Amino acid sequence: MTGVVVVGMQWGDEGKGKITDFLGRGSDVIARYQGGDNAGHTVEVDQTEYKMRLIPSGILYADKLTVIGNGVVVNPESLVNEMQSLQQQGISFANFRISNRAQVILPYHVRMDELQEQSKGDHKIGTTNRGIGPAYMDKAARIGIRMSDLLEKETFAAKLKQNLALKNKEFVQVYQGQPLEFADIFEKFYAYGQQLKPYVVDTSKLINECFDQNENVLFEGAQGIMLDIDHGTYPYVTSSNPVGGYTAGLGVGPTKIQHVVGVAKAYTSRVGAGPFPTELTDENGTYIREAGHEYGVVTKRPRRIGWLDSVVLRHAKRVAGVTELALNCIDVLSGLSEVKICTGYRLPDGSVIDEYPASLQQIEQCQPVYTTLPGWSEDLRGNTDLASWPQAAKDYLAKIKELTGLDFVSVSVGPNRDETIVLNNLWQ
């Protein structure tokens, strides 16, 4: 029995889907513990791309149990559409399960997300307007509707009427918007619930039974640690906990976990507003963005690009208890004359700190301190023979290991399953 958690060590989009797919080979269960359909990931298998938002990438293994946990907020419409799309690509959902305690995203959450963002003007968070934050707000306010409620017609109707009365009042009186109609939402979403009903179970009980049967379980989070609502660049964060969320988000105790794999790109990217100390606005940033196809899976927005930030990686290691590092996209840096890694932040008084500040004002004053290494011209895409790599690329890996204190579990040189150098088999 082994429990392995996969977390993003940056601002999301680190390639967790690929690493989850890769580690999924040795697991029996792949379970997602937080986030919603704002977190897209793409996995490439045999030259075929599979795009997912809610469903863990373990679904690509027909013999694995794939789980959406109670910590995830589920838009039933989005989930049904995603399932149908994957089924058209030949993917089976026979071993797919959804927690009966997962919160449901409804149209009023999406509307609230849009209105709240618009009202912020120049201080927008940069959400994807998919209702994630408002759904988590309702969960904390104890007025959320769960999957178990959605399946019970009378319960769903009563809760929906109650919530719509509150939401419509706010839409009209606060935002001068239009109210939503009960009938339009009820019939449509109750029908979605009935479509999903065969997959809805107590997933905490299910996963713990799998552990009792000595099975390997892989825990998949969404977003990244720098978007964690507690440990990220607040308030420019998501509304859940990528850090350690597997305990509450799946109902599994921390004693079940042996490894926490942190996933990072060989550079840094983020979507949306917020601080980004190593951001590149020059030709290097443009080069990396285009070479890495850095555009959002869900939003198609161009991602902001920066050099690798070891301050961020060490922060992520500490708050999430990361034990190993999975590095992606080092092939994207091929062709640059030099590459840089941020080792600390210089404050206006000249002092250098090596922790990530909580204060937005302080982080905006920080200037990154870089170590500069030679680049390499050789194309690393698909080259899984590490011994044949140019010395400059090997030195880059060595410097990352030195700065983070983490051993590599894998290094990826492309999005395909087979473009992965395996350095440590965690399931042994």
Protein backbone atom coordinates (compact mmCIF):
# COMPACT_ATOMS: atom_id res chain seq x y z
CA MET A 1 0.00 0.00 0.00
CA THR A 2 1.40 3.37 -1.06
CA GLY A 3 -0.19 6.80 -1.11
CA VAL A 4 1.31 9.43 -3.43
CA VAL A 5 0.13 13.05 -3.69
CA VAL A 6 0.81 15.17 -6.80
CA VAL A 7 0.88 18.95 -6.23
CA GLY A 8 1.83 21.87 -8.45
CA MET A 9 4.73 23.90 -7.03
CA GLN A 10 4.09 27.10 -8.99
CA TRP A 11 0.96 28.97 -10.15
CA GLY A 12 -0.65 25.97 -11.85
CA ASP A 13 -0.22 24.73 -15.43
CA GLU A 14 2.95 22.86 -14.41
CA GLY A 15 1.96 19.69 -16.25
CA LYS A 16 0.36 17.85 -13.32
CA GLY A 17 -1.97 16.02 -15.70
CA LYS A 18 0.95 14.37 -17.45
CA ILE A 19 2.66 13.43 -14.17
CA THR A 20 -0.59 12.05 -12.78
CA ASP A 21 -1.01 10.03 -15.97
CA PHE A 22 2.61 8.86 -15.75
CA LEU A 23 2.42 7.89 -12.06
CA GLY A 24 -0.99 6.40 -12.67
CA ARG A 25 0.63 3.39 -14.33
CA GLY A 26 1.63 2.02 -10.95
CA SER A 27 -1.49 2.99 -9.02
CA ASP A 28 -4.84 1.32 -8.57
CA VAL A 29 -6.79 4.48 -7.73
CA ILE A 30 -6.45 8.07 -8.99
CA ALA A 31 -8.44 10.58 -6.93
CA ARG A 32 -8.85 14.35 -7.25
CA TYR A 33 -9.33 16.33 -4.06
CA GLN A 34 -10.04 20.04 -4.85
CA GLY A 35 -10.72 22.69 -7.49
CA GLY A 36 -13.26 22.78 -10.27
CA ASP A 37 -13.56 22.98 -14.05
CA ASN A 38 -11.37 26.08 -14.16
CA ALA A 39 -8.29 23.85 -14.06
CA GLY A 40 -7.67 22.36 -17.50
CA HIS A 41 -4.99 19.81 -18.27
CA THR A 42 -3.94 18.03 -21.43
CA VAL A 43 -2.44 14.54 -21.71
CA GLU A 44 -1.00 13.20 -24.93
CA VAL A 45 -1.09 9.44 -25.52
CA ASP A 46 0.07 7.87 -28.80
CA GLN A 47 -0.18 11.24 -30.56
CA THR A 48 -3.77 11.74 -29.34
CA GLU A 49 -4.58 14.66 -27.06
CA TYR A 50 -7.09 14.29 -24.26
CA LYS A 51 -8.32 17.53 -22.67
CA MET A 52 -9.84 17.42 -19.20
CA ARG A 53 -11.11 19.97 -16.71
CA LEU A 54 -12.83 18.06 -13.91
CA ILE A 55 -12.00 14.44 -14.57
CA PRO A 56 -8.66 13.12 -13.26
CA SER A 57 -6.30 12.01 -16.02
CA GLY A 58 -6.40 8.51 -14.53
CA ILE A 59 -9.56 8.02 -16.58
CA LEU A 60 -7.26 7.15 -19.49
CA TYR A 61 -6.50 3.84 -17.75
CA ALA A 62 -9.55 1.61 -18.12
CA ASP A 63 -8.45 -0.66 -15.26
CA LYS A 64 -7.99 2.11 -12.67
CA LEU A 65 -10.57 3.51 -10.28
CA THR A 66 -10.91 7.26 -10.99
CA VAL A 67 -12.49 9.46 -8.31
CA ILE A 68 -13.74 13.03 -7.96
CA GLY A 69 -13.62 13.76 -4.23
CA ASN A 70 -15.82 15.81 -1.95
CA GLY A 71 -13.38 18.73 -1.99
CA VAL A 72 -14.04 19.35 -5.69
CA VAL A 73 -16.79 21.74 -6.79
CA VAL A 74 -18.65 20.08 -9.67
CA ASN A 75 -20.50 21.80 -12.49
CA PRO A 76 -22.81 18.97 -13.63
CA GLU A 77 -23.24 20.46 -17.10
CA SER A 78 -19.49 20.76 -17.62
CA LEU A 79 -18.89 17.26 -16.26
CA VAL A 80 -21.50 15.61 -18.46
CA ASN A 81 -20.12 17.37 -21.55
CA GLU A 82 -16.56 16.37 -20.66
CA MET A 83 -17.58 12.75 -20.15
CA GLN A 84 -19.36 12.67 -23.50
CA SER A 85 -16.34 14.18 -25.25
CA LEU A 86 -13.98 11.58 -23.77
CA GLN A 87 -16.42 8.76 -24.48
CA GLN A 88 -16.39 9.83 -28.13
CA GLN A 89 -12.62 9.30 -27.99
CA GLY A 90 -13.16 5.75 -26.76
CA ILE A 91 -12.68 6.33 -23.02
CA SER A 92 -14.64 4.11 -20.62
CA PHE A 93 -16.29 5.40 -17.44
CA ALA A 94 -17.03 2.01 -15.91
CA ASN A 95 -14.59 2.70 -13.05
CA PHE A 96 -15.46 6.38 -12.51
CA ARG A 97 -16.92 7.63 -9.21
CA ILE A 98 -18.07 11.01 -7.81
CA SER A 99 -18.38 11.90 -4.13
CA ASN A 100 -21.91 12.28 -2.85
CA ARG A 101 -20.57 15.13 -0.69
CA ALA A 102 -19.06 17.19 -3.54
CA GLN A 103 -20.52 20.69 -3.86
CA VAL A 104 -22.44 21.59 -7.04
CA ILE A 105 -21.77 24.65 -9.19
CA LEU A 106 -25.01 26.13 -10.53
CA PRO A 107 -25.71 28.99 -12.98
CA TYR A 108 -26.07 31.53 -10.19
CA HIS A 109 -22.49 30.81 -9.12
CA VAL A 110 -21.26 31.55 -12.64
CA ARG A 111 -23.34 34.74 -12.81
CA MET A 112 -22.01 35.87 -9.41
CA ASP A 113 -18.43 35.19 -10.49
CA GLU A 114 -18.87 37.38 -13.58
CA LEU A 115 -20.54 40.23 -11.67
CA GLN A 116 -18.00 40.21 -8.85
CA GLU A 117 -15.10 40.36 -11.29
CA GLN A 118 -16.69 43.20 -13.25
CA SER A 119 -17.27 45.19 -10.06
CA LYS A 120 -13.57 45.03 -9.13
CA GLY A 121 -12.48 47.11 -12.12
CA ASP A 122 -8.69 47.39 -12.19
CA HIS A 123 -8.41 45.13 -9.15
CA LYS A 124 -9.75 41.98 -10.81
CA ILE A 125 -8.43 38.66 -9.56
CA GLY A 126 -8.45 37.21 -13.07
CA THR A 127 -10.84 34.32 -12.46
CA THR A 128 -12.07 32.11 -15.29
CA ASN A 129 -15.70 33.12 -14.49
CA ARG A 130 -16.76 29.52 -13.95
CA GLY A 131 -18.32 29.99 -10.53
CA ILE A 132 -15.58 28.29 -8.53
CA GLY A 133 -15.15 30.98 -5.87
CA PRO A 134 -18.87 31.61 -5.31
CA ALA A 135 -19.46 27.85 -4.97
CA TYR A 136 -16.81 27.60 -2.27
CA MET A 137 -18.30 30.70 -0.62
CA ASP A 138 -21.68 28.98 -0.42
CA LYS A 139 -20.01 25.86 0.96
CA ALA A 140 -18.44 27.91 3.77
CA ALA A 141 -21.74 29.75 4.34
CA ARG A 142 -23.48 26.35 4.67
CA ILE A 143 -25.98 27.02 1.90
CA GLY A 144 -24.24 24.91 -0.76
CA ILE A 145 -26.01 22.17 -2.70
CA ARG A 146 -24.19 18.83 -2.73
CA MET A 147 -24.35 15.97 -5.20
CA SER A 148 -26.54 14.01 -2.77
CA ASP A 149 -29.00 16.94 -2.79
CA LEU A 150 -29.00 17.15 -6.58
CA LEU A 151 -30.15 13.54 -6.82
CA GLU A 152 -33.18 14.08 -4.57
CA LYS A 153 -35.83 15.98 -6.52
CA GLU A 154 -37.68 17.56 -3.60
CA THR A 155 -34.49 18.39 -1.72
CA PHE A 156 -32.92 19.99 -4.77
CA ALA A 157 -36.04 22.01 -5.53
CA ALA A 158 -36.32 23.35 -1.98
CA LYS A 159 -32.65 24.31 -1.69
CA LEU A 160 -32.58 25.85 -5.16
CA LYS A 161 -35.64 28.01 -4.46
CA GLN A 162 -34.13 29.20 -1.19
CA ASN A 163 -30.79 30.06 -2.76
CA LEU A 164 -32.26 31.74 -5.82
CA ALA A 165 -34.28 34.06 -3.60
CA LEU A 166 -31.02 35.21 -1.99
CA LYS A 167 -28.99 35.36 -5.19
CA ASN A 168 -31.61 37.15 -7.29
CA LYS A 169 -31.99 39.81 -4.63
CA GLU A 170 -28.27 40.46 -4.82
CA PHE A 171 -28.19 40.36 -8.63
CA VAL A 172 -30.95 42.98 -8.89
CA GLN A 173 -30.31 45.25 -5.91
CA VAL A 174 -26.51 45.22 -5.74
CA TYR A 175 -25.44 44.65 -9.34
CA GLN A 176 -28.51 46.01 -11.18
CA GLY A 177 -28.67 42.76 -13.13
CA GLN A 178 -31.41 40.36 -14.18
CA PRO A 179 -32.76 37.57 -11.95
CA LEU A 180 -32.45 33.90 -12.88
CA GLU A 181 -35.51 31.68 -13.32
CA PHE A 182 -36.05 28.63 -11.11
CA ALA A 183 -37.58 26.47 -13.83
CA ASP A 184 -34.74 27.09 -16.28
CA ILE A 185 -32.19 25.76 -13.78
CA PHE A 186 -34.18 23.06 -11.99
CA GLU A 187 -35.25 20.85 -14.89
CA LYS A 188 -31.89 21.07 -16.66
CA PHE A 189 -29.70 20.36 -13.66
CA TYR A 190 -31.91 17.72 -12.11
CA ALA A 191 -31.62 15.89 -15.44
CA TYR A 192 -27.82 16.21 -15.29
CA GLY A 193 -27.91 14.79 -11.79
CA GLN A 194 -29.84 11.74 -12.97
CA GLN A 195 -27.25 11.18 -15.69
CA LEU A 196 -24.50 11.26 -13.08
CA LYS A 197 -26.37 9.25 -10.44
CA PRO A 198 -24.82 5.85 -11.32
CA TYR A 199 -21.38 7.22 -10.47
CA VAL A 200 -22.21 8.94 -7.15
CA VAL A 201 -21.01 7.14 -4.00
CA ASP A 202 -19.31 7.75 -0.64
CA THR A 203 -15.80 8.09 -2.06
CA SER A 204 -14.11 8.42 1.34
CA LYS A 205 -15.35 4.97 2.28
CA LEU A 206 -14.37 3.66 -1.15
CA ILE A 207 -10.78 4.97 -1.07
CA ASN A 208 -10.15 3.83 2.49
CA GLU A 209 -11.39 0.36 1.56
CA CYS A 210 -8.86 0.39 -1.29
CA PHE A 211 -6.09 1.17 1.20
CA ASP A 212 -7.34 -1.67 3.40
CA GLN A 213 -6.95 -3.97 0.38
CA ASN A 214 -3.30 -2.86 0.03
CA GLU A 215 -3.87 -0.90 -3.17
CA ASN A 216 -1.81 2.07 -4.39
CA VAL A 217 -3.62 5.42 -4.42
CA LEU A 218 -2.58 8.54 -6.33
CA PHE A 219 -3.99 11.88 -5.13
CA GLU A 220 -4.35 14.62 -7.76
CA GLY A 221 -4.78 18.30 -6.98
CA ALA A 222 -5.62 21.20 -9.25
CA GLN A 223 -3.90 24.59 -9.65
CA GLY A 224 -0.63 25.10 -7.78
CA ILE A 225 0.67 25.91 -4.32
CA MET A 226 1.16 29.59 -5.19
CA LEU A 227 -2.59 29.71 -5.86
CA ASP A 228 -3.46 28.12 -2.51
CA ILE A 229 -5.95 30.27 -0.60
CA ASP A 230 -3.77 30.15 2.53
CA HIS A 231 -0.21 29.82 1.23
CA GLY A 232 -0.39 31.45 -2.20
CA THR A 233 -0.22 35.05 -3.43
CA TYR A 234 -3.44 36.06 -1.68
CA PRO A 235 -5.85 37.46 -2.84
CA TYR A 236 -4.70 36.43 -6.34
CA VAL A 237 -5.37 32.79 -5.60
CA THR A 238 -7.94 30.07 -6.09
CA SER A 239 -10.67 29.35 -3.53
CA SER A 240 -9.41 26.01 -2.24
CA ASN A 241 -6.30 24.32 -0.85
CA PRO A 242 -3.96 22.63 -3.34
CA VAL A 243 -1.69 22.30 -0.27
CA GLY A 244 -2.69 19.27 1.78
CA GLY A 245 -6.26 19.37 0.56
CA TYR A 246 -6.34 15.62 0.07
CA THR A 247 -7.20 14.96 3.74
CA ALA A 248 -10.39 17.03 3.86
CA GLY A 249 -11.04 16.81 0.11
CA LEU A 250 -11.11 13.02 0.00
CA GLY A 251 -11.68 11.97 3.59
CA VAL A 252 -8.32 10.20 3.87
CA GLY A 253 -5.97 10.60 6.82
CA PRO A 254 -2.41 11.94 6.37
CA THR A 255 -0.96 8.68 7.71
CA LYS A 256 -1.86 7.07 4.38
CA ILE A 257 0.65 9.24 2.46
CA GLN A 258 4.27 8.20 1.80
CA HIS A 259 5.27 10.61 -1.00
CA VAL A 260 4.36 14.16 -2.01
CA VAL A 261 5.53 14.81 -5.57
CA GLY A 262 5.92 18.45 -6.47
CA VAL A 263 5.51 19.26 -10.17
CA ALA A 264 7.28 22.24 -11.70
CA LYS A 265 8.20 23.55 -15.09
CA ALA A 266 11.82 24.34 -15.87
CA TYR A 267 10.63 27.95 -16.01
CA THR A 268 7.59 29.69 -14.50
CA SER A 269 4.18 30.68 -15.84
CA ARG A 270 0.95 32.02 -14.43
CA VAL A 271 -2.48 33.14 -15.66
CA GLY A 272 -4.36 36.10 -14.30
CA ALA A 273 -3.38 39.04 -12.15
CA GLY A 274 -1.06 39.07 -9.17
CA PRO A 275 2.63 39.33 -8.28
CA PHE A 276 5.18 37.50 -10.41
CA PRO A 277 8.76 38.44 -9.43
CA THR A 278 10.59 36.72 -12.31
CA GLU A 279 8.15 37.73 -15.05
CA LEU A 280 9.73 38.27 -18.49
CA THR A 281 8.30 40.88 -20.81
CA ASP A 282 11.16 40.69 -23.32
CA GLU A 283 12.02 38.43 -26.24
CA ASN A 284 12.98 35.60 -23.87
CA GLY A 285 9.46 35.54 -22.47
CA THR A 286 7.98 35.51 -25.96
CA TYR A 287 10.34 32.74 -27.05
CA ILE A 288 9.44 30.52 -24.09
CA ARG A 289 5.70 31.20 -24.47
CA GLU A 290 5.69 30.17 -28.12
CA ALA A 291 8.08 27.22 -27.71
CA GLY A 292 6.04 25.92 -24.79
CA HIS A 293 2.63 26.70 -26.33
CA GLU A 294 1.80 28.61 -23.15
CA TYR A 295 -1.88 29.35 -23.62
CA GLY A 296 -4.61 28.35 -21.17
CA VAL A 297 -6.37 25.02 -21.79
CA VAL A 298 -9.68 26.49 -20.58
CA THR A 299 -9.36 30.21 -21.33
CA LYS A 300 -6.90 30.22 -24.28
CA ARG A 301 -5.33 33.27 -22.63
CA PRO A 302 -1.58 33.71 -23.17
CA ARG A 303 0.21 32.82 -19.96
CA ARG A 304 2.65 35.17 -18.28
CA ILE A 305 6.19 33.76 -18.45
CA GLY A 306 9.18 34.06 -16.14
CA TRP A 307 12.48 32.45 -15.24
CA LEU A 308 12.44 29.56 -12.76
CA ASP A 309 12.03 30.85 -9.20
CA SER A 310 13.69 28.69 -6.53
CA VAL A 311 12.23 30.91 -3.76
CA VAL A 312 8.80 29.78 -4.91
CA LEU A 313 9.91 26.14 -5.12
CA ARG A 314 11.36 26.16 -1.60
CA HIS A 315 8.21 27.82 -0.27
CA ALA A 316 6.12 25.12 -1.95
CA LYS A 317 8.38 22.37 -0.62
CA ARG A 318 8.00 23.65 2.94
CA VAL A 319 4.25 24.29 3.11
CA ALA A 320 3.26 21.13 1.22
CA GLY A 321 5.91 18.75 2.54
CA VAL A 322 7.16 17.95 -0.96
CA THR A 323 9.45 14.90 -0.96
CA GLU A 324 10.36 14.58 -4.65
CA LEU A 325 10.36 16.80 -7.74
CA ALA A 326 8.92 16.07 -11.18
CA LEU A 327 10.38 18.59 -13.63
CA ASN A 328 8.60 19.31 -16.91
CA CYS A 329 9.30 21.29 -20.08
CA ILE A 330 13.08 21.53 -19.92
CA ASP A 331 13.05 20.95 -23.69
CA VAL A 332 11.29 24.33 -24.08
CA LEU A 333 14.46 26.14 -22.99
CA SER A 334 16.56 24.70 -25.84
CA GLY A 335 17.86 27.47 -28.08
CA LEU A 336 18.38 30.13 -25.40
CA SER A 337 21.94 31.45 -25.06
CA GLU A 338 21.62 31.58 -21.28
CA VAL A 339 19.11 30.52 -18.63
CA LYS A 340 18.47 32.05 -15.22
CA ILE A 341 17.21 30.85 -11.86
CA CYS A 342 16.02 33.21 -9.13
CA THR A 343 17.77 32.41 -5.84
CA GLY A 344 16.43 35.23 -3.64
CA TYR A 345 14.71 38.62 -3.56
CA ARG A 346 16.47 41.93 -2.98
CA LEU A 347 14.56 44.53 -0.97
CA PRO A 348 14.90 48.32 -1.46
CA ASP A 349 17.30 48.52 1.51
CA GLY A 350 19.68 46.13 -0.27
CA SER A 351 19.01 43.11 1.94
CA VAL A 352 18.22 39.76 0.32
CA ILE A 353 15.51 37.41 1.56
CA ASP A 354 14.93 33.80 0.57
CA GLU A 355 11.32 33.41 1.67
CA TYR A 356 8.18 34.47 -0.19
CA PRO A 357 6.63 37.55 1.52
CA ALA A 358 3.00 37.57 2.58
CA SER A 359 2.75 41.33 1.97
CA LEU A 360 1.81 42.32 -1.58
CA GLN A 361 3.46 45.67 -1.05
CA GLN A 362 6.72 44.00 -0.07
CA ILE A 363 6.70 41.50 -2.93
CA GLU A 364 6.10 44.30 -5.41
CA GLN A 365 9.27 45.98 -4.12
CA CYS A 366 11.36 42.82 -4.46
CA GLN A 367 13.88 42.44 -7.25
CA PRO A 368 14.87 38.89 -8.18
CA VAL A 369 18.46 37.84 -7.57
CA TYR A 370 19.57 35.51 -10.36
CA THR A 371 22.19 32.91 -10.95
CA THR A 372 22.93 32.73 -14.69
CA LEU A 373 23.92 29.52 -16.45
CA PRO A 374 24.91 28.81 -20.06
CA GLY A 375 22.09 27.76 -22.35
CA TRP A 376 22.16 24.99 -24.93
CA SER A 377 21.24 24.79 -28.59
CA GLU A 378 20.56 21.05 -28.83
CA ASP A 379 16.91 20.03 -29.17
CA LEU A 380 15.92 17.94 -26.13
CA ARG A 381 12.37 17.17 -27.29
CA GLY A 382 11.86 13.43 -26.94
CA ASN A 383 15.47 12.76 -25.88
CA THR A 384 15.12 10.45 -22.88
CA ASP A 385 18.80 9.46 -22.89
CA LEU A 386 20.00 11.75 -20.13
CA ALA A 387 23.63 10.73 -20.65
CA SER A 388 23.57 12.18 -24.17
CA TRP A 389 22.32 15.60 -23.06
CA PRO A 390 24.52 18.67 -23.45
CA GLN A 391 26.47 19.46 -20.28
CA ALA A 392 24.72 22.82 -19.91
CA ALA A 393 21.32 21.09 -19.61
CA LYS A 394 22.72 18.63 -17.06
CA ASP A 395 24.18 21.54 -15.10
CA TYR A 396 20.77 23.22 -15.09
CA LEU A 397 19.24 20.11 -13.51
CA ALA A 398 22.04 19.96 -10.95
CA LYS A 399 21.50 23.58 -9.96
CA ILE A 400 17.75 23.02 -9.48
CA LYS A 401 18.48 20.03 -7.24
CA GLU A 402 21.00 22.09 -5.26
CA LEU A 403 18.62 25.01 -4.76
CA THR A 404 15.58 22.93 -3.82
CA GLY A 405 17.20 20.05 -1.97
CA LEU A 406 14.88 17.68 -3.84
CA ASP A 407 15.69 14.57 -5.84
CA PHE A 408 14.00 14.16 -9.21
CA VAL A 409 11.34 11.51 -9.62
CA SER A 410 11.14 12.34 -13.33
CA VAL A 411 12.24 14.82 -15.99
CA SER A 412 10.00 15.40 -19.01
CA VAL A 413 11.13 16.37 -22.50
CA GLY A 414 7.70 16.62 -24.12
CA PRO A 415 3.99 16.13 -23.38
CA ASN A 416 3.78 12.48 -24.48
CA ARG A 417 3.82 9.62 -21.98
CA ASP A 418 6.99 8.26 -23.54
CA GLU A 419 8.82 11.59 -23.35
CA THR A 420 9.57 11.06 -19.67
CA ILE A 421 12.85 10.15 -18.00
CA VAL A 422 12.02 8.05 -14.92
CA LEU A 423 14.56 8.55 -12.14
CA ASN A 424 12.67 7.03 -9.20
CA ASN A 425 9.88 4.45 -9.13
CA LEU A 426 7.75 5.46 -6.15
CA TRP A 427 5.55 2.39 -6.25
CA GLN A 428 8.33 -0.08 -5.48
